[in-house]
PDB file of N, CA and C in Angstrom:
ATOM      1  N   MET A   1      55.407 -91.248 117.961  1.00  0.00           N
ATOM      2  CA  MET A   1      54.764 -91.479 116.701  1.00  0.00           C
ATOM      3  C   MET A   1      53.380 -90.856 116.727  1.00  0.00           C
ATOM      4  N   THR A   2      52.924 -90.528 115.549  1.00  0.00           N
ATOM      5  CA  THR A   2      51.606 -89.926 115.435  1.00  0.00           C
ATOM      6  C   THR A   2      50.945 -90.378 114.147  1.00  0.00           C
ATOM      7  N   GLU A   3      49.670 -90.133 114.086  1.00  0.00           N
ATOM      8  CA  GLU A   3      48.897 -90.497 112.909  1.00  0.00           C
ATOM      9  C   GLU A   3      49.118 -89.489 111.786  1.00  0.00           C
ATOM     10  N   LYS A   4      48.924 -89.946 110.570  1.00  0.00           N
ATOM     11  CA  LYS A   4      48.975 -89.050 109.425  1.00  0.00           C
ATOM     12  C   LYS A   4      47.599 -89.083 108.786  1.00  0.00           C
ATOM     13  N   PRO A   5      46.938 -88.001 108.639  1.00  0.00           N
ATOM     14  CA  PRO A   5      47.382 -86.646 108.945  1.00  0.00           C
ATOM     15  C   PRO A   5      47.315 -86.353 110.450  1.00  0.00           C
ATOM     16  N   PHE A   6      48.048 -85.334 110.852  1.00  0.00           N
ATOM     17  CA  PHE A   6      48.060 -84.885 112.242  1.00  0.00           C
ATOM     18  C   PHE A   6      46.630 -84.541 112.638  1.00  0.00           C
ATOM     19  N   ALA A   7      46.180 -85.038 113.771  1.00  0.00           N
ATOM     20  CA  ALA A   7      44.770 -84.970 114.146  1.00  0.00           C
ATOM     21  C   ALA A   7      44.321 -83.644 114.754  1.00  0.00           C
ATOM     22  N   HIS A   8      45.227 -82.703 114.986  1.00  0.00           N
ATOM     23  CA  HIS A   8      44.869 -81.477 115.695  1.00  0.00           C
ATOM     24  C   HIS A   8      45.001 -80.248 114.789  1.00  0.00           C
ATOM     25  N   ASP A   9      44.291 -79.180 115.153  1.00  0.00           N
ATOM     26  CA  ASP A   9      44.328 -77.939 114.379  1.00  0.00           C
ATOM     27  C   ASP A   9      45.531 -77.077 114.723  1.00  0.00           C
ATOM     28  N   ALA A  10      46.116 -77.283 115.898  1.00  0.00           N
ATOM     29  CA  ALA A  10      47.245 -76.477 116.368  1.00  0.00           C
ATOM     30  C   ALA A  10      48.342 -77.396 116.899  1.00  0.00           C
ATOM     31  N   ALA A  11      49.576 -76.875 116.889  1.00  0.00           N
ATOM     32  CA  ALA A  11      50.719 -77.655 117.369  1.00  0.00           C
ATOM     33  C   ALA A  11      51.635 -76.744 118.184  1.00  0.00           C
ATOM     34  N   PHE A  12      52.276 -77.321 119.188  1.00  0.00           N
ATOM     35  CA  PHE A  12      53.141 -76.553 120.083  1.00  0.00           C
ATOM     36  C   PHE A  12      54.438 -76.137 119.397  1.00  0.00           C
ATOM     37  N   THR A  13      54.792 -74.882 119.564  1.00  0.00           N
ATOM     38  CA  THR A  13      56.060 -74.375 119.025  1.00  0.00           C
ATOM     39  C   THR A  13      57.187 -74.524 120.034  1.00  0.00           C
ATOM     40  N   ASN A  14      56.862 -74.692 121.314  1.00  0.00           N
ATOM     41  CA  ASN A  14      57.886 -74.754 122.357  1.00  0.00           C
ATOM     42  C   ASN A  14      58.073 -76.158 122.942  1.00  0.00           C
ATOM     43  N   LEU A  15      57.493 -77.170 122.321  1.00  0.00           N
ATOM     44  CA  LEU A  15      57.649 -78.554 122.767  1.00  0.00           C
ATOM     45  C   LEU A  15      58.456 -79.302 121.715  1.00  0.00           C
ATOM     46  N   LYS A  16      59.615 -79.794 122.109  1.00  0.00           N
ATOM     47  CA  LYS A  16      60.534 -80.456 121.186  1.00  0.00           C
ATOM     48  C   LYS A  16      60.427 -81.971 121.346  1.00  0.00           C
ATOM     49  N   THR A  17      60.258 -82.674 120.223  1.00  0.00           N
ATOM     50  CA  THR A  17      60.096 -84.123 120.247  1.00  0.00           C
ATOM     51  C   THR A  17      60.831 -84.770 119.072  1.00  0.00           C
ATOM     52  N   ASN A  18      60.733 -86.087 118.988  1.00  0.00           N
ATOM     53  CA  ASN A  18      61.265 -86.867 117.864  1.00  0.00           C
ATOM     54  C   ASN A  18      60.102 -87.503 117.093  1.00  0.00           C
ATOM     55  N   PHE A  19      59.053 -86.745 116.849  1.00  0.00           N
ATOM     56  CA  PHE A  19      57.881 -87.291 116.172  1.00  0.00           C
ATOM     57  C   PHE A  19      58.228 -87.918 114.831  1.00  0.00           C
ATOM     58  N   MET A  20      57.485 -88.950 114.498  1.00  0.00           N
ATOM     59  CA  MET A  20      57.509 -89.551 113.165  1.00  0.00           C
ATOM     60  C   MET A  20      56.128 -90.164 112.960  1.00  0.00           C
ATOM     61  N   PHE A  21      55.784 -90.416 111.716  1.00  0.00           N
ATOM     62  CA  PHE A  21      54.501 -91.035 111.415  1.00  0.00           C
ATOM     63  C   PHE A  21      54.611 -92.548 111.498  1.00  0.00           C
ATOM     64  N   HIS A  22      53.481 -93.195 111.779  1.00  0.00           N
ATOM     65  CA  HIS A  22      53.446 -94.658 111.874  1.00  0.00           C
ATOM     66  C   HIS A  22      54.003 -95.298 110.607  1.00  0.00           C
ATOM     67  N   GLU A  23      53.671 -94.736 109.458  1.00  0.00           N
ATOM     68  CA  GLU A  23      54.122 -95.327 108.188  1.00  0.00           C
ATOM     69  C   GLU A  23      55.647 -95.303 108.050  1.00  0.00           C
ATOM     70  N   ASP A  24      56.313 -94.382 108.712  1.00  0.00           N
ATOM     71  CA  ASP A  24      57.778 -94.337 108.683  1.00  0.00           C
ATOM     72  C   ASP A  24      58.381 -95.474 109.513  1.00  0.00           C
ATOM     73  N   LEU A  25      57.689 -95.855 110.578  1.00  0.00           N
ATOM     74  CA  LEU A  25      58.146 -96.976 111.400  1.00  0.00           C
ATOM     75  C   LEU A  25      58.143 -98.273 110.593  1.00  0.00           C
ATOM     76  N   VAL A  26      57.173 -98.421 109.719  1.00  0.00           N
ATOM     77  CA  VAL A  26      57.050 -99.635 108.911  1.00  0.00           C
ATOM     78  C   VAL A  26      58.307 -99.851 108.067  1.00  0.00           C
ATOM     79  N   GLU A  27      58.938 -98.770 107.625  1.00  0.00           N
ATOM     80  CA  GLU A  27      60.158 -98.876 106.826  1.00  0.00           C
ATOM     81  C   GLU A  27      61.380 -99.210 107.684  1.00  0.00           C
ATOM     82  N   ILE A  28      61.394 -98.745 108.925  1.00  0.00           N
ATOM     83  CA  ILE A  28      62.535 -98.941 109.818  1.00  0.00           C
ATOM     84  C   ILE A  28      62.522-100.310 110.495  1.00  0.00           C
ATOM     85  N   LEU A  29      61.361-100.766 110.883  1.00  0.00           N
ATOM     86  CA  LEU A  29      61.230-101.986 111.690  1.00  0.00           C
ATOM     87  C   LEU A  29      61.929-103.212 111.097  1.00  0.00           C
ATOM     88  N   PRO A  30      61.794-103.521 109.818  1.00  0.00           N
ATOM     89  CA  PRO A  30      62.479-104.713 109.291  1.00  0.00           C
ATOM     90  C   PRO A  30      64.009-104.632 109.400  1.00  0.00           C
ATOM     91  N   LYS A  31      64.560-103.435 109.439  1.00  0.00           N
ATOM     92  CA  LYS A  31      66.013-103.266 109.499  1.00  0.00           C
ATOM     93  C   LYS A  31      66.578-103.483 110.896  1.00  0.00           C
ATOM     94  N   ILE A  32      65.713-103.395 111.916  1.00  0.00           N
ATOM     95  CA  ILE A  32      66.203-103.526 113.296  1.00  0.00           C
ATOM     96  C   ILE A  32      65.546-104.666 114.061  1.00  0.00           C
ATOM     97  N   ILE A  33      64.670-105.402 113.418  1.00  0.00           N
ATOM     98  CA  ILE A  33      63.863-106.411 114.107  1.00  0.00           C
ATOM     99  C   ILE A  33      64.708-107.471 114.825  1.00  0.00           C
ATOM    100  N   ASN A  34      65.881-107.796 114.334  1.00  0.00           N
ATOM    101  CA  ASN A  34      66.707-108.825 114.954  1.00  0.00           C
ATOM    102  C   ASN A  34      67.729-108.283 115.948  1.00  0.00           C
ATOM    103  N   GLU A  35      67.752-106.991 116.165  1.00  0.00           N
ATOM    104  CA  GLU A  35      68.676-106.386 117.129  1.00  0.00           C
ATOM    105  C   GLU A  35      68.130-106.584 118.539  1.00  0.00           C
ATOM    106  N   THR A  36      69.015-106.592 119.514  1.00  0.00           N
ATOM    107  CA  THR A  36      68.585-106.774 120.899  1.00  0.00           C
ATOM    108  C   THR A  36      68.844-105.507 121.701  1.00  0.00           C
ATOM    109  N   GLY A  37      68.196-105.408 122.824  1.00  0.00           N
ATOM    110  CA  GLY A  37      68.363-104.260 123.695  1.00  0.00           C
ATOM    111  C   GLY A  37      67.365-103.160 123.364  1.00  0.00           C
ATOM    112  N   ILE A  38      67.530-102.051 124.024  1.00  0.00           N
ATOM    113  CA  ILE A  38      66.622-100.921 123.848  1.00  0.00           C
ATOM    114  C   ILE A  38      67.108-100.062 122.694  1.00  0.00           C
ATOM    115  N   ILE A  39      66.217 -99.813 121.754  1.00  0.00           N
ATOM    116  CA  ILE A  39      66.510 -98.930 120.622  1.00  0.00           C
ATOM    117  C   ILE A  39      65.385 -97.900 120.556  1.00  0.00           C
ATOM    118  N   ASN A  40      65.699 -96.655 120.852  1.00  0.00           N
ATOM    119  CA  ASN A  40      64.706 -95.597 120.718  1.00  0.00           C
ATOM    120  C   ASN A  40      64.447 -95.364 119.239  1.00  0.00           C
ATOM    121  N   ILE A  41      63.188 -95.266 118.873  1.00  0.00           N
ATOM    122  CA  ILE A  41      62.824 -95.048 117.479  1.00  0.00           C
ATOM    123  C   ILE A  41      62.079 -93.729 117.385  1.00  0.00           C
ATOM    124  N   GLY A  42      62.551 -92.861 116.504  1.00  0.00           N
ATOM    125  CA  GLY A  42      61.915 -91.567 116.313  1.00  0.00           C
ATOM    126  C   GLY A  42      62.526 -90.858 115.136  1.00  0.00           C
ATOM    127  N   GLY A  43      62.013 -89.683 114.872  1.00  0.00           N
ATOM    128  CA  GLY A  43      62.491 -88.864 113.771  1.00  0.00           C
ATOM    129  C   GLY A  43      63.407 -87.758 114.240  1.00  0.00           C
ATOM    130  N   LYS A  44      63.601 -86.794 113.386  1.00  0.00           N
ATOM    131  CA  LYS A  44      64.462 -85.649 113.660  1.00  0.00           C
ATOM    132  C   LYS A  44      63.943 -84.876 114.884  1.00  0.00           C
ATOM    133  N   SER A  45      64.844 -84.399 115.727  1.00  0.00           N
ATOM    134  CA  SER A  45      64.464 -83.586 116.880  1.00  0.00           C
ATOM    135  C   SER A  45      64.026 -82.209 116.404  1.00  0.00           C
ATOM    136  N   GLN A  46      62.789 -81.857 116.708  1.00  0.00           N
ATOM    137  CA  GLN A  46      62.247 -80.568 116.290  1.00  0.00           C
ATOM    138  C   GLN A  46      60.961 -80.288 117.065  1.00  0.00           C
ATOM    139  N   SER A  47      60.467 -79.062 116.967  1.00  0.00           N
ATOM    140  CA  SER A  47      59.212 -78.737 117.639  1.00  0.00           C
ATOM    141  C   SER A  47      58.068 -79.470 116.939  1.00  0.00           C
ATOM    142  N   VAL A  48      57.011 -79.693 117.682  1.00  0.00           N
ATOM    143  CA  VAL A  48      55.842 -80.354 117.109  1.00  0.00           C
ATOM    144  C   VAL A  48      55.323 -79.527 115.940  1.00  0.00           C
ATOM    145  N   TYR A  49      55.311 -78.214 116.095  1.00  0.00           N
ATOM    146  CA  TYR A  49      54.823 -77.326 115.036  1.00  0.00           C
ATOM    147  C   TYR A  49      55.645 -77.476 113.757  1.00  0.00           C
ATOM    148  N   ASN A  50      56.969 -77.471 113.871  1.00  0.00           N
ATOM    149  CA  ASN A  50      57.819 -77.609 112.681  1.00  0.00           C
ATOM    150  C   ASN A  50      57.597 -78.953 111.992  1.00  0.00           C
ATOM    151  N   PHE A  51      57.391 -79.993 112.778  1.00  0.00           N
ATOM    152  CA  PHE A  51      57.123 -81.311 112.208  1.00  0.00           C
ATOM    153  C   PHE A  51      55.816 -81.296 111.412  1.00  0.00           C
ATOM    154  N   VAL A  52      54.764 -80.763 112.017  1.00  0.00           N
ATOM    155  CA  VAL A  52      53.439 -80.788 111.389  1.00  0.00           C
ATOM    156  C   VAL A  52      53.358 -79.828 110.207  1.00  0.00           C
ATOM    157  N   LYS A  53      54.021 -78.700 110.306  1.00  0.00           N
ATOM    158  CA  LYS A  53      53.944 -77.655 109.270  1.00  0.00           C
ATOM    159  C   LYS A  53      54.363 -78.184 107.895  1.00  0.00           C
ATOM    160  N   LYS A  54      55.245 -79.155 107.853  1.00  0.00           N
ATOM    161  CA  LYS A  54      55.692 -79.724 106.575  1.00  0.00           C
ATOM    162  C   LYS A  54      54.555 -80.428 105.838  1.00  0.00           C
ATOM    163  N   TYR A  55      53.584 -80.929 106.581  1.00  0.00           N
ATOM    164  CA  TYR A  55      52.516 -81.734 106.004  1.00  0.00           C
ATOM    165  C   TYR A  55      51.158 -81.045 106.029  1.00  0.00           C
ATOM    166  N   ASN A  56      51.020 -80.012 106.859  1.00  0.00           N
ATOM    167  CA  ASN A  56      49.753 -79.292 106.970  1.00  0.00           C
ATOM    168  C   ASN A  56      50.051 -77.801 107.093  1.00  0.00           C
ATOM    169  N   LYS A  57      49.965 -77.097 105.998  1.00  0.00           N
ATOM    170  CA  LYS A  57      50.288 -75.660 105.977  1.00  0.00           C
ATOM    171  C   LYS A  57      49.283 -74.821 106.774  1.00  0.00           C
ATOM    172  N   LEU A  58      48.124 -75.384 107.101  1.00  0.00           N
ATOM    173  CA  LEU A  58      47.086 -74.635 107.810  1.00  0.00           C
ATOM    174  C   LEU A  58      47.151 -74.771 109.328  1.00  0.00           C
ATOM    175  N   VAL A  59      48.079 -75.571 109.839  1.00  0.00           N
ATOM    176  CA  VAL A  59      48.182 -75.771 111.285  1.00  0.00           C
ATOM    177  C   VAL A  59      48.518 -74.440 111.963  1.00  0.00           C
ATOM    178  N   LYS A  60      47.904 -74.226 113.111  1.00  0.00           N
ATOM    179  CA  LYS A  60      48.115 -72.987 113.862  1.00  0.00           C
ATOM    180  C   LYS A  60      49.172 -73.204 114.941  1.00  0.00           C
ATOM    181  N   LYS A  61      49.860 -72.125 115.292  1.00  0.00           N
ATOM    182  CA  LYS A  61      50.861 -72.176 116.361  1.00  0.00           C
ATOM    183  C   LYS A  61      50.172 -72.138 117.716  1.00  0.00           C
ATOM    184  N   SER A  62      50.732 -72.889 118.648  1.00  0.00           N
ATOM    185  CA  SER A  62      50.260 -72.909 120.017  1.00  0.00           C
ATOM    186  C   SER A  62      51.478 -73.070 120.920  1.00  0.00           C
ATOM    187  N   LYS A  63      51.341 -72.633 122.166  1.00  0.00           N
ATOM    188  CA  LYS A  63      52.435 -72.797 123.126  1.00  0.00           C
ATOM    189  C   LYS A  63      51.937 -73.616 124.307  1.00  0.00           C
ATOM    190  N   LEU A  64      52.797 -74.500 124.772  1.00  0.00           N
ATOM    191  CA  LEU A  64      52.492 -75.273 125.967  1.00  0.00           C
ATOM    192  C   LEU A  64      52.593 -74.341 127.167  1.00  0.00           C
ATOM    193  N   ASN A  65      51.619 -74.362 128.010  1.00  0.00           N
ATOM    194  CA  ASN A  65      51.568 -73.509 129.190  1.00  0.00           C
ATOM    195  C   ASN A  65      52.758 -73.806 130.102  1.00  0.00           C
ATOM    196  N   LYS A  66      53.388 -72.777 130.628  1.00  0.00           N
ATOM    197  CA  LYS A  66      54.548 -72.948 131.514  1.00  0.00           C
ATOM    198  C   LYS A  66      54.193 -73.703 132.798  1.00  0.00           C
ATOM    199  N   ASP A  67      52.928 -73.667 133.179  1.00  0.00           N
ATOM    200  CA  ASP A  67      52.487 -74.373 134.381  1.00  0.00           C
ATOM    201  C   ASP A  67      52.258 -75.863 134.130  1.00  0.00           C
ATOM    202  N   SER A  68      52.364 -76.274 132.893  1.00  0.00           N
ATOM    203  CA  SER A  68      52.157 -77.681 132.546  1.00  0.00           C
ATOM    204  C   SER A  68      53.247 -78.550 133.180  1.00  0.00           C
ATOM    205  N   LYS A  69      52.908 -79.755 133.493  1.00  0.00           N
ATOM    206  CA  LYS A  69      53.872 -80.676 134.083  1.00  0.00           C
ATOM    207  C   LYS A  69      54.669 -81.422 133.013  1.00  0.00           C
ATOM    208  N   LEU A  70      54.342 -81.198 131.747  1.00  0.00           N
ATOM    209  CA  LEU A  70      55.083 -81.838 130.658  1.00  0.00           C
ATOM    210  C   LEU A  70      56.435 -81.161 130.454  1.00  0.00           C
ATOM    211  N   PRO A  71      57.495 -81.918 130.257  1.00  0.00           N
ATOM    212  CA  PRO A  71      58.792 -81.309 129.949  1.00  0.00           C
ATOM    213  C   PRO A  71      58.768 -80.744 128.525  1.00  0.00           C
ATOM    214  N   LEU A  72      59.440 -79.627 128.306  1.00  0.00           N
ATOM    215  CA  LEU A  72      59.457 -78.998 126.991  1.00  0.00           C
ATOM    216  C   LEU A  72      60.379 -79.717 126.011  1.00  0.00           C
ATOM    217  N   ASN A  73      61.311 -80.498 126.527  1.00  0.00           N
ATOM    218  CA  ASN A  73      62.202 -81.259 125.657  1.00  0.00           C
ATOM    219  C   ASN A  73      61.944 -82.746 125.899  1.00  0.00           C
ATOM    220  N   GLN A  74      61.286 -83.381 124.936  1.00  0.00           N
ATOM    221  CA  GLN A  74      60.949 -84.794 125.058  1.00  0.00           C
ATOM    222  C   GLN A  74      61.698 -85.633 124.026  1.00  0.00           C
ATOM    223  N   THR A  75      62.841 -85.149 123.611  1.00  0.00           N
ATOM    224  CA  THR A  75      63.604 -85.862 122.596  1.00  0.00           C
ATOM    225  C   THR A  75      64.298 -87.079 123.199  1.00  0.00           C
ATOM    226  N   MET A  76      64.606 -88.029 122.333  1.00  0.00           N
ATOM    227  CA  MET A  76      65.272 -89.264 122.751  1.00  0.00           C
ATOM    228  C   MET A  76      66.640 -89.349 122.087  1.00  0.00           C
ATOM    229  N   ASN A  77      67.513 -90.131 122.676  1.00  0.00           N
ATOM    230  CA  ASN A  77      68.816 -90.409 122.084  1.00  0.00           C
ATOM    231  C   ASN A  77      68.615 -91.468 120.995  1.00  0.00           C
ATOM    232  N   LEU A  78      68.884 -91.104 119.758  1.00  0.00           N
ATOM    233  CA  LEU A  78      68.669 -92.013 118.633  1.00  0.00           C
ATOM    234  C   LEU A  78      69.974 -92.584 118.082  1.00  0.00           C
ATOM    235  N   SER A  79      71.040 -92.540 118.860  1.00  0.00           N
ATOM    236  CA  SER A  79      72.348 -92.969 118.358  1.00  0.00           C
ATOM    237  C   SER A  79      72.369 -94.447 117.950  1.00  0.00           C
ATOM    238  N   ARG A  80      71.726 -95.318 118.716  1.00  0.00           N
ATOM    239  CA  ARG A  80      71.701 -96.746 118.340  1.00  0.00           C
ATOM    240  C   ARG A  80      70.906 -96.961 117.058  1.00  0.00           C
ATOM    241  N   LEU A  81      69.789 -96.261 116.926  1.00  0.00           N
ATOM    242  CA  LEU A  81      68.987 -96.365 115.706  1.00  0.00           C
ATOM    243  C   LEU A  81      69.795 -95.889 114.496  1.00  0.00           C
ATOM    244  N   LYS A  82      70.475 -94.772 114.654  1.00  0.00           N
ATOM    245  CA  LYS A  82      71.280 -94.231 113.559  1.00  0.00           C
ATOM    246  C   LYS A  82      72.409 -95.197 113.177  1.00  0.00           C
ATOM    247  N   LYS A  83      72.970 -95.867 114.157  1.00  0.00           N
ATOM    248  CA  LYS A  83      74.033 -96.839 113.894  1.00  0.00           C
ATOM    249  C   LYS A  83      73.512 -97.992 113.026  1.00  0.00           C
ATOM    250  N   TYR A  84      72.344 -98.513 113.373  1.00  0.00           N
ATOM    251  CA  TYR A  84      71.795 -99.634 112.622  1.00  0.00           C
ATOM    252  C   TYR A  84      71.292 -99.219 111.243  1.00  0.00           C
ATOM    253  N   LEU A  85      70.821 -97.981 111.124  1.00  0.00           N
ATOM    254  CA  LEU A  85      70.315 -97.518 109.823  1.00  0.00           C
ATOM    255  C   LEU A  85      71.380 -96.819 109.005  1.00  0.00           C
ATOM    256  N   LYS A  86      72.549 -96.587 109.636  1.00  0.00           N
ATOM    257  CA  LYS A  86      73.663 -95.883 108.988  1.00  0.00           C
ATOM    258  C   LYS A  86      73.238 -94.512 108.451  1.00  0.00           C
ATOM    259  N   TRP A  87      72.537 -93.752 109.322  1.00  0.00           N
ATOM    260  CA  TRP A  87      72.126 -92.377 108.993  1.00  0.00           C
ATOM    261  C   TRP A  87      73.315 -91.476 109.045  1.00  0.00           C
TER     262      TRP A  87
END
């Protein structure tokens, strides 16, 4: 999850995540609050840049350095969330 608006001037094109805004969680939480177990919560799998570009046309492209210890694919399995929300 991230703040809206996105707090940075640039976003990674090669880092894939399930970003969503905090305000989107507010809509999902009441629908799953009584469920038990682990439920990953996130948005569509996409690059950080593609996510931010929809809301900030001025964001610049950036690439995560290959020497970074961060994995380039940080997506989560959202199958349980999709089941409860009937996506």
